[in-house]
Amino acid sequence: MTRWRACCPRCWRGWVSDREAQRAADRERRAQERIAAAEARTARRQEEREAGMRSREEAREARRAEEDQRRSARVEERDARPKRRAATGALSRTGEARVERDVRSYTTNVDHGRMVELARRGATVAGLATVFGVSEEAVRAVLASAEDA
């Protein structure tokens, strides 16, 4: 393909200036297109960022609501359990109380020798009466009979 050539320097100048004008217009058009594309990208990124922020905030609120619900369920469960003093043993490690042994049907044999020995070691009359399940008068009578003997 042959190019058009100017016949004289004056024509050459006209052709060059027309071509430069065309190239300048093309450059300007491409610059405007790049600016428009950059603005569109910026707007799209801003919308994506805002949508991401909204979704994260919704997820955060859902997580908070779930945590509040779990926390209130734990508080209700804790309030429903019988009150126990804070322990440093298995309860604090596992979070579960040991199974309490049912001692209601246990009986204590009233052994006069044990009663006397415990009283000698410093047990009170009221304590012995409670442990052996007898009256304080009965404990005093056993201790008095032991002293006489």
N, C-alpha and C. Protein backbone atom coordinates (compact mmCIF):
# COMPACT_ATOMS: atom_id res chain seq x y z
N MET A 1 0.85 -1.17 0.00
CA MET A 1 0.00 0.00 0.00
C MET A 1 0.90 1.23 0.00
N THR A 2 0.65 2.12 -0.91
CA THR A 2 1.48 3.32 -1.01
C THR A 2 0.87 4.43 -0.18
N ARG A 3 1.77 5.25 0.32
CA ARG A 3 1.31 6.38 1.12
C ARG A 3 1.21 7.60 0.23
N TRP A 4 0.35 8.45 0.64
CA TRP A 4 0.22 9.70 -0.11
C TRP A 4 1.38 10.58 0.24
N ARG A 5 1.99 11.19 -0.76
CA ARG A 5 3.13 12.07 -0.51
C ARG A 5 2.78 13.46 -0.99
N ALA A 6 3.29 14.37 -0.26
CA ALA A 6 3.01 15.76 -0.63
C ALA A 6 3.89 16.15 -1.82
N CYS A 7 3.35 16.99 -2.62
CA CYS A 7 4.09 17.42 -3.81
C CYS A 7 5.08 18.52 -3.49
N CYS A 8 4.83 19.29 -2.41
CA CYS A 8 5.74 20.36 -2.02
C CYS A 8 5.74 20.51 -0.50
N PRO A 9 6.69 21.24 0.03
CA PRO A 9 6.75 21.38 1.49
C PRO A 9 5.51 21.99 2.08
N ARG A 10 4.85 22.89 1.35
CA ARG A 10 3.65 23.50 1.88
C ARG A 10 2.54 22.46 2.02
N CYS A 11 2.39 21.61 1.04
CA CYS A 11 1.38 20.54 1.10
C CYS A 11 1.76 19.53 2.20
N TRP A 12 3.07 19.32 2.27
CA TRP A 12 3.55 18.40 3.31
C TRP A 12 3.17 18.91 4.68
N ARG A 13 3.33 20.20 4.91
CA ARG A 13 2.98 20.77 6.20
C ARG A 13 1.48 20.61 6.48
N GLY A 14 0.69 20.82 5.50
CA GLY A 14 -0.76 20.67 5.67
C GLY A 14 -1.13 19.24 5.99
N TRP A 15 -0.47 18.33 5.26
CA TRP A 15 -0.78 16.92 5.51
C TRP A 15 -0.32 16.52 6.90
N VAL A 16 0.83 16.97 7.34
CA VAL A 16 1.37 16.64 8.66
C VAL A 16 0.48 17.24 9.73
N SER A 17 0.08 18.48 9.55
CA SER A 17 -0.75 19.10 10.59
C SER A 17 -2.12 18.44 10.66
N ASP A 18 -2.67 18.01 9.49
CA ASP A 18 -3.96 17.28 9.54
C ASP A 18 -3.78 15.94 10.26
N ARG A 19 -2.69 15.28 9.95
CA ARG A 19 -2.43 13.98 10.57
C ARG A 19 -2.18 14.17 12.07
N GLU A 20 -1.43 15.18 12.44
CA GLU A 20 -1.19 15.45 13.86
C GLU A 20 -2.49 15.80 14.57
N ALA A 21 -3.33 16.54 13.92
CA ALA A 21 -4.62 16.90 14.51
C ALA A 21 -5.46 15.65 14.71
N GLN A 22 -5.44 14.76 13.69
CA GLN A 22 -6.20 13.51 13.81
C GLN A 22 -5.64 12.66 14.97
N ARG A 23 -4.32 12.55 15.06
CA ARG A 23 -3.69 11.78 16.13
C ARG A 23 -3.98 12.41 17.50
N ALA A 24 -3.95 13.72 17.58
CA ALA A 24 -4.26 14.40 18.83
C ALA A 24 -5.71 14.14 19.24
N ALA A 25 -6.61 14.18 18.25
CA ALA A 25 -8.03 13.90 18.55
C ALA A 25 -8.19 12.45 19.01
N ASP A 26 -7.47 11.53 18.36
CA ASP A 26 -7.53 10.12 18.77
C ASP A 26 -6.98 9.94 20.18
N ARG A 27 -5.85 10.63 20.46
CA ARG A 27 -5.28 10.57 21.81
C ARG A 27 -6.26 11.10 22.84
N GLU A 28 -6.88 12.20 22.52
CA GLU A 28 -7.85 12.79 23.45
C GLU A 28 -9.03 11.84 23.67
N ARG A 29 -9.51 11.23 22.58
CA ARG A 29 -10.63 10.29 22.68
C ARG A 29 -10.24 9.09 23.54
N ARG A 30 -9.03 8.52 23.30
CA ARG A 30 -8.57 7.38 24.08
C ARG A 30 -8.39 7.77 25.55
N ALA A 31 -7.88 8.97 25.81
CA ALA A 31 -7.72 9.44 27.19
C ALA A 31 -9.07 9.55 27.87
N GLN A 32 -10.07 10.08 27.15
CA GLN A 32 -11.42 10.18 27.72
C GLN A 32 -11.99 8.79 28.01
N GLU A 33 -11.72 7.84 27.08
CA GLU A 33 -12.20 6.47 27.29
C GLU A 33 -11.52 5.85 28.51
N ARG A 34 -10.21 6.07 28.66
CA ARG A 34 -9.50 5.54 29.83
C ARG A 34 -10.04 6.16 31.12
N ILE A 35 -10.30 7.47 31.09
CA ILE A 35 -10.84 8.14 32.29
C ILE A 35 -12.22 7.57 32.63
N ALA A 36 -13.05 7.39 31.60
CA ALA A 36 -14.39 6.85 31.83
C ALA A 36 -14.30 5.42 32.37
N ALA A 37 -13.37 4.61 31.80
CA ALA A 37 -13.21 3.23 32.27
C ALA A 37 -12.70 3.22 33.72
N ALA A 38 -11.76 4.11 34.04
CA ALA A 38 -11.24 4.18 35.40
C ALA A 38 -12.34 4.60 36.37
N GLU A 39 -13.15 5.58 35.97
CA GLU A 39 -14.25 6.00 36.85
C GLU A 39 -15.25 4.88 37.03
N ALA A 40 -15.52 4.13 35.95
CA ALA A 40 -16.46 3.00 36.06
C ALA A 40 -15.89 1.93 36.99
N ARG A 41 -14.56 1.65 36.85
CA ARG A 41 -13.93 0.67 37.74
C ARG A 41 -13.99 1.13 39.19
N THR A 42 -13.72 2.41 39.40
CA THR A 42 -13.75 2.96 40.76
C THR A 42 -15.16 2.85 41.34
N ALA A 43 -16.16 3.20 40.53
CA ALA A 43 -17.55 3.11 41.01
C ALA A 43 -17.93 1.65 41.31
N ARG A 44 -17.52 0.73 40.43
CA ARG A 44 -17.83 -0.69 40.63
C ARG A 44 -17.14 -1.21 41.89
N ARG A 45 -15.88 -0.83 42.08
CA ARG A 45 -15.16 -1.27 43.28
C ARG A 45 -15.79 -0.70 44.54
N GLN A 46 -16.23 0.55 44.47
CA GLN A 46 -16.89 1.17 45.62
C GLN A 46 -18.18 0.43 45.96
N GLU A 47 -18.96 0.08 44.93
CA GLU A 47 -20.20 -0.67 45.16
C GLU A 47 -19.89 -2.05 45.75
N GLU A 48 -18.85 -2.72 45.21
CA GLU A 48 -18.48 -4.03 45.75
C GLU A 48 -18.01 -3.91 47.20
N ARG A 49 -17.23 -2.87 47.49
CA ARG A 49 -16.75 -2.64 48.84
C ARG A 49 -17.91 -2.42 49.80
N GLU A 50 -18.89 -1.57 49.36
CA GLU A 50 -20.04 -1.30 50.23
C GLU A 50 -20.89 -2.56 50.42
N ALA A 51 -21.05 -3.35 49.34
CA ALA A 51 -21.81 -4.60 49.46
C ALA A 51 -21.09 -5.55 50.41
N GLY A 52 -19.77 -5.63 50.32
CA GLY A 52 -19.00 -6.48 51.23
C GLY A 52 -19.12 -6.01 52.67
N MET A 53 -19.07 -4.68 52.87
CA MET A 53 -19.22 -4.14 54.22
C MET A 53 -20.60 -4.47 54.78
N ARG A 54 -21.63 -4.32 53.92
CA ARG A 54 -22.99 -4.64 54.38
C ARG A 54 -23.09 -6.12 54.75
N SER A 55 -22.55 -7.00 53.91
CA SER A 55 -22.66 -8.44 54.19
C SER A 55 -21.86 -8.80 55.44
N ARG A 56 -20.69 -8.19 55.63
CA ARG A 56 -19.91 -8.48 56.84
C ARG A 56 -20.64 -7.98 58.08
N GLU A 57 -21.26 -6.81 57.98
CA GLU A 57 -21.99 -6.27 59.12
C GLU A 57 -23.20 -7.15 59.44
N GLU A 58 -23.90 -7.63 58.40
CA GLU A 58 -25.03 -8.54 58.64
C GLU A 58 -24.55 -9.83 59.29
N ALA A 59 -23.42 -10.37 58.81
CA ALA A 59 -22.88 -11.59 59.40
C ALA A 59 -22.47 -11.33 60.85
N ARG A 60 -21.87 -10.17 61.11
CA ARG A 60 -21.46 -9.80 62.47
C ARG A 60 -22.67 -9.71 63.39
N GLU A 61 -23.74 -9.07 62.89
CA GLU A 61 -24.95 -8.95 63.71
C GLU A 61 -25.57 -10.32 63.96
N ALA A 62 -25.58 -11.19 62.94
CA ALA A 62 -26.12 -12.54 63.12
C ALA A 62 -25.28 -13.31 64.14
N ARG A 63 -23.95 -13.15 64.06
CA ARG A 63 -23.06 -13.82 65.00
C ARG A 63 -23.30 -13.31 66.42
N ARG A 64 -23.46 -11.99 66.55
CA ARG A 64 -23.73 -11.42 67.88
C ARG A 64 -25.05 -11.94 68.44
N ALA A 65 -26.08 -12.00 67.58
CA ALA A 65 -27.37 -12.49 68.05
C ALA A 65 -27.26 -13.95 68.48
N GLU A 66 -26.52 -14.75 67.71
CA GLU A 66 -26.34 -16.16 68.06
C GLU A 66 -25.56 -16.29 69.36
N GLU A 67 -24.51 -15.49 69.53
CA GLU A 67 -23.74 -15.53 70.77
C GLU A 67 -24.59 -15.10 71.96
N ASP A 68 -25.42 -14.06 71.78
CA ASP A 68 -26.30 -13.63 72.87
C ASP A 68 -27.28 -14.72 73.23
N GLN A 69 -27.79 -15.40 72.20
CA GLN A 69 -28.74 -16.48 72.44
C GLN A 69 -28.05 -17.62 73.21
N ARG A 70 -26.83 -17.99 72.76
CA ARG A 70 -26.09 -19.05 73.44
C ARG A 70 -25.76 -18.64 74.87
N ARG A 71 -25.37 -17.37 75.05
CA ARG A 71 -25.01 -16.88 76.37
C ARG A 71 -26.22 -16.92 77.30
N SER A 72 -27.39 -16.50 76.80
CA SER A 72 -28.59 -16.53 77.64
C SER A 72 -29.00 -17.96 77.95
N ALA A 73 -28.80 -18.88 76.99
CA ALA A 73 -29.11 -20.29 77.25
C ALA A 73 -28.18 -20.84 78.33
N ARG A 74 -26.88 -20.45 78.27
CA ARG A 74 -25.93 -20.91 79.29
C ARG A 74 -26.31 -20.35 80.65
N VAL A 75 -26.73 -19.08 80.69
CA VAL A 75 -27.11 -18.47 81.96
C VAL A 75 -28.34 -19.17 82.51
N GLU A 76 -29.33 -19.45 81.64
CA GLU A 76 -30.53 -20.16 82.10
C GLU A 76 -30.17 -21.55 82.59
N GLU A 77 -29.27 -22.23 81.86
CA GLU A 77 -28.85 -23.57 82.29
C GLU A 77 -28.11 -23.50 83.62
N ARG A 78 -27.25 -22.49 83.75
CA ARG A 78 -26.49 -22.34 84.99
C ARG A 78 -27.44 -22.02 86.16
N ASP A 79 -28.45 -21.17 85.90
CA ASP A 79 -29.38 -20.83 86.96
C ASP A 79 -30.26 -22.02 87.33
N ALA A 80 -30.48 -22.92 86.38
CA ALA A 80 -31.33 -24.08 86.66
C ALA A 80 -30.60 -25.12 87.50
N ARG A 81 -29.26 -25.15 87.43
CA ARG A 81 -28.49 -26.12 88.19
C ARG A 81 -28.50 -25.74 89.67
N PRO A 82 -28.35 -26.73 90.53
CA PRO A 82 -28.26 -26.39 91.96
C PRO A 82 -26.99 -25.60 92.21
N LYS A 83 -27.07 -24.68 93.16
CA LYS A 83 -25.93 -23.83 93.46
C LYS A 83 -24.84 -24.64 94.15
N ARG A 84 -23.63 -24.46 93.68
CA ARG A 84 -22.47 -25.11 94.29
C ARG A 84 -21.38 -24.06 94.46
N ARG A 85 -20.56 -24.25 95.45
CA ARG A 85 -19.48 -23.30 95.60
C ARG A 85 -18.44 -23.54 94.51
N ALA A 86 -17.69 -22.50 94.18
CA ALA A 86 -16.67 -22.62 93.15
C ALA A 86 -15.61 -23.61 93.61
N ALA A 87 -15.30 -24.56 92.75
CA ALA A 87 -14.36 -25.60 93.11
C ALA A 87 -13.09 -25.47 92.29
N THR A 88 -12.06 -26.13 92.75
CA THR A 88 -10.81 -26.13 91.99
C THR A 88 -10.51 -27.51 91.44
N GLY A 89 -11.42 -28.43 91.63
CA GLY A 89 -11.16 -29.80 91.21
C GLY A 89 -11.79 -30.13 89.88
N ALA A 90 -12.44 -31.28 89.84
CA ALA A 90 -13.00 -31.80 88.59
C ALA A 90 -14.06 -30.87 88.02
N LEU A 91 -14.81 -30.20 88.87
CA LEU A 91 -15.87 -29.32 88.37
C LEU A 91 -15.29 -28.18 87.54
N SER A 92 -14.23 -27.58 88.00
CA SER A 92 -13.66 -26.47 87.24
C SER A 92 -12.96 -26.96 85.98
N ARG A 93 -12.41 -28.17 86.01
CA ARG A 93 -11.73 -28.70 84.82
C ARG A 93 -12.72 -29.15 83.76
N THR A 94 -13.75 -29.89 84.18
CA THR A 94 -14.67 -30.49 83.22
C THR A 94 -15.94 -29.70 83.04
N GLY A 95 -16.30 -28.88 84.02
CA GLY A 95 -17.54 -28.12 83.92
C GLY A 95 -18.75 -28.92 84.34
N GLU A 96 -18.54 -30.16 84.79
CA GLU A 96 -19.66 -31.00 85.21
C GLU A 96 -19.42 -31.45 86.64
N ALA A 97 -20.48 -31.41 87.43
CA ALA A 97 -20.37 -31.84 88.81
C ALA A 97 -20.32 -33.36 88.85
N ARG A 98 -19.60 -33.87 89.82
CA ARG A 98 -19.59 -35.32 89.99
C ARG A 98 -20.98 -35.77 90.44
N VAL A 99 -21.28 -37.02 90.19
CA VAL A 99 -22.56 -37.54 90.62
C VAL A 99 -22.53 -37.64 92.14
N GLU A 100 -23.51 -37.00 92.75
CA GLU A 100 -23.57 -37.02 94.20
C GLU A 100 -24.15 -38.35 94.66
N ARG A 101 -23.52 -38.92 95.64
CA ARG A 101 -23.97 -40.21 96.16
C ARG A 101 -25.20 -40.00 97.04
N ASP A 102 -26.19 -40.87 96.88
CA ASP A 102 -27.41 -40.79 97.69
C ASP A 102 -27.16 -41.52 99.01
N VAL A 103 -27.03 -40.75 100.07
CA VAL A 103 -26.70 -41.33 101.37
C VAL A 103 -27.91 -41.34 102.31
N ARG A 104 -29.09 -41.13 101.79
CA ARG A 104 -30.27 -41.05 102.66
C ARG A 104 -30.57 -42.39 103.33
N SER A 105 -30.27 -43.47 102.65
CA SER A 105 -30.60 -44.77 103.24
C SER A 105 -29.46 -45.34 104.07
N TYR A 106 -28.34 -44.63 104.16
CA TYR A 106 -27.22 -45.12 104.96
C TYR A 106 -27.57 -45.01 106.45
N THR A 107 -27.08 -45.95 107.21
CA THR A 107 -27.28 -45.88 108.66
C THR A 107 -25.92 -45.94 109.34
N THR A 108 -25.85 -45.32 110.49
CA THR A 108 -24.62 -45.33 111.26
C THR A 108 -24.88 -46.14 112.53
N ASN A 109 -24.07 -47.13 112.73
CA ASN A 109 -24.22 -47.93 113.96
C ASN A 109 -23.77 -47.10 115.14
N VAL A 110 -24.60 -47.08 116.16
CA VAL A 110 -24.25 -46.33 117.36
C VAL A 110 -23.32 -47.22 118.17
N ASP A 111 -22.04 -46.91 118.05
CA ASP A 111 -21.01 -47.69 118.75
C ASP A 111 -20.51 -46.83 119.90
N HIS A 112 -20.74 -47.31 121.12
CA HIS A 112 -20.38 -46.51 122.28
C HIS A 112 -18.87 -46.27 122.34
N GLY A 113 -18.09 -47.23 121.98
CA GLY A 113 -16.63 -47.08 122.02
C GLY A 113 -16.15 -46.00 121.02
N ARG A 114 -16.75 -46.00 119.83
CA ARG A 114 -16.38 -44.95 118.84
C ARG A 114 -16.78 -43.59 119.35
N MET A 115 -17.96 -43.50 119.97
CA MET A 115 -18.42 -42.22 120.48
C MET A 115 -17.46 -41.68 121.54
N VAL A 116 -17.03 -42.53 122.42
CA VAL A 116 -16.12 -42.13 123.48
C VAL A 116 -14.79 -41.71 122.88
N GLU A 117 -14.28 -42.48 121.93
CA GLU A 117 -12.99 -42.15 121.30
C GLU A 117 -13.06 -40.81 120.56
N LEU A 118 -14.15 -40.57 119.83
CA LEU A 118 -14.30 -39.30 119.12
C LEU A 118 -14.42 -38.13 120.08
N ALA A 119 -15.11 -38.34 121.20
CA ALA A 119 -15.23 -37.28 122.20
C ALA A 119 -13.87 -37.00 122.82
N ARG A 120 -13.06 -38.05 123.05
CA ARG A 120 -11.71 -37.87 123.59
C ARG A 120 -10.85 -37.05 122.62
N ARG A 121 -11.07 -37.22 121.32
CA ARG A 121 -10.30 -36.50 120.30
C ARG A 121 -10.80 -35.06 120.10
N GLY A 122 -11.91 -34.70 120.73
CA GLY A 122 -12.36 -33.32 120.67
C GLY A 122 -13.69 -33.11 119.98
N ALA A 123 -14.41 -34.14 119.63
CA ALA A 123 -15.72 -33.98 119.01
C ALA A 123 -16.70 -33.44 120.04
N THR A 124 -17.61 -32.58 119.59
CA THR A 124 -18.59 -31.99 120.51
C THR A 124 -19.77 -32.93 120.67
N VAL A 125 -20.51 -32.69 121.71
CA VAL A 125 -21.70 -33.51 121.98
C VAL A 125 -22.72 -33.33 120.86
N ALA A 126 -22.90 -32.07 120.42
CA ALA A 126 -23.87 -31.80 119.35
C ALA A 126 -23.42 -32.47 118.04
N GLY A 127 -22.12 -32.43 117.76
CA GLY A 127 -21.60 -33.06 116.55
C GLY A 127 -21.79 -34.56 116.57
N LEU A 128 -21.50 -35.18 117.72
CA LEU A 128 -21.69 -36.64 117.84
C LEU A 128 -23.16 -37.00 117.69
N ALA A 129 -24.04 -36.20 118.27
CA ALA A 129 -25.48 -36.47 118.18
C ALA A 129 -25.93 -36.40 116.73
N THR A 130 -25.42 -35.42 116.00
CA THR A 130 -25.81 -35.28 114.59
C THR A 130 -25.28 -36.44 113.77
N VAL A 131 -24.03 -36.81 113.97
CA VAL A 131 -23.41 -37.86 113.17
C VAL A 131 -24.07 -39.21 113.42
N PHE A 132 -24.31 -39.52 114.67
CA PHE A 132 -24.88 -40.83 114.98
C PHE A 132 -26.40 -40.84 114.92
N GLY A 133 -27.01 -39.67 114.76
CA GLY A 133 -28.46 -39.62 114.62
C GLY A 133 -29.21 -39.90 115.90
N VAL A 134 -28.64 -39.49 117.01
CA VAL A 134 -29.30 -39.68 118.30
C VAL A 134 -29.40 -38.33 118.99
N SER A 135 -30.09 -38.29 120.11
CA SER A 135 -30.24 -37.02 120.83
C SER A 135 -28.97 -36.71 121.61
N GLU A 136 -28.85 -35.45 121.99
CA GLU A 136 -27.67 -35.03 122.76
C GLU A 136 -27.69 -35.67 124.16
N GLU A 137 -28.88 -35.89 124.70
CA GLU A 137 -28.98 -36.53 126.01
C GLU A 137 -28.43 -37.95 125.96
N ALA A 138 -28.71 -38.65 124.85
CA ALA A 138 -28.21 -40.02 124.71
C ALA A 138 -26.69 -40.02 124.63
N VAL A 139 -26.12 -39.04 123.93
CA VAL A 139 -24.67 -38.96 123.81
C VAL A 139 -24.06 -38.64 125.18
N ARG A 140 -24.69 -37.74 125.94
CA ARG A 140 -24.18 -37.41 127.27
C ARG A 140 -24.25 -38.64 128.19
N ALA A 141 -25.31 -39.39 128.03
CA ALA A 141 -25.46 -40.60 128.87
C ALA A 141 -24.37 -41.62 128.54
N VAL A 142 -24.05 -41.78 127.24
CA VAL A 142 -23.00 -42.74 126.86
C VAL A 142 -21.65 -42.27 127.39
N LEU A 143 -21.38 -40.95 127.25
CA LEU A 143 -20.10 -40.43 127.72
C LEU A 143 -19.98 -40.53 129.24
N ALA A 144 -21.11 -40.27 129.96
CA ALA A 144 -21.11 -40.37 131.42
C ALA A 144 -20.87 -41.82 131.87
N SER A 145 -21.48 -42.77 131.16
CA SER A 145 -21.30 -44.19 131.53
C SER A 145 -19.87 -44.62 131.24
N ALA A 146 -19.23 -44.01 130.22
CA ALA A 146 -17.84 -44.35 129.90
C ALA A 146 -16.90 -43.80 130.96
N GLU A 147 -17.22 -42.63 131.52
CA GLU A 147 -16.39 -42.04 132.56
C GLU A 147 -16.48 -42.83 133.86
N ASP A 148 -17.68 -43.36 134.10
CA ASP A 148 -17.87 -44.13 135.33
C ASP A 148 -17.10 -45.45 135.27
N ALA A 149 -16.97 -45.98 134.10
CA ALA A 149 -16.36 -47.30 133.97
C ALA A 149 -14.87 -47.27 134.04
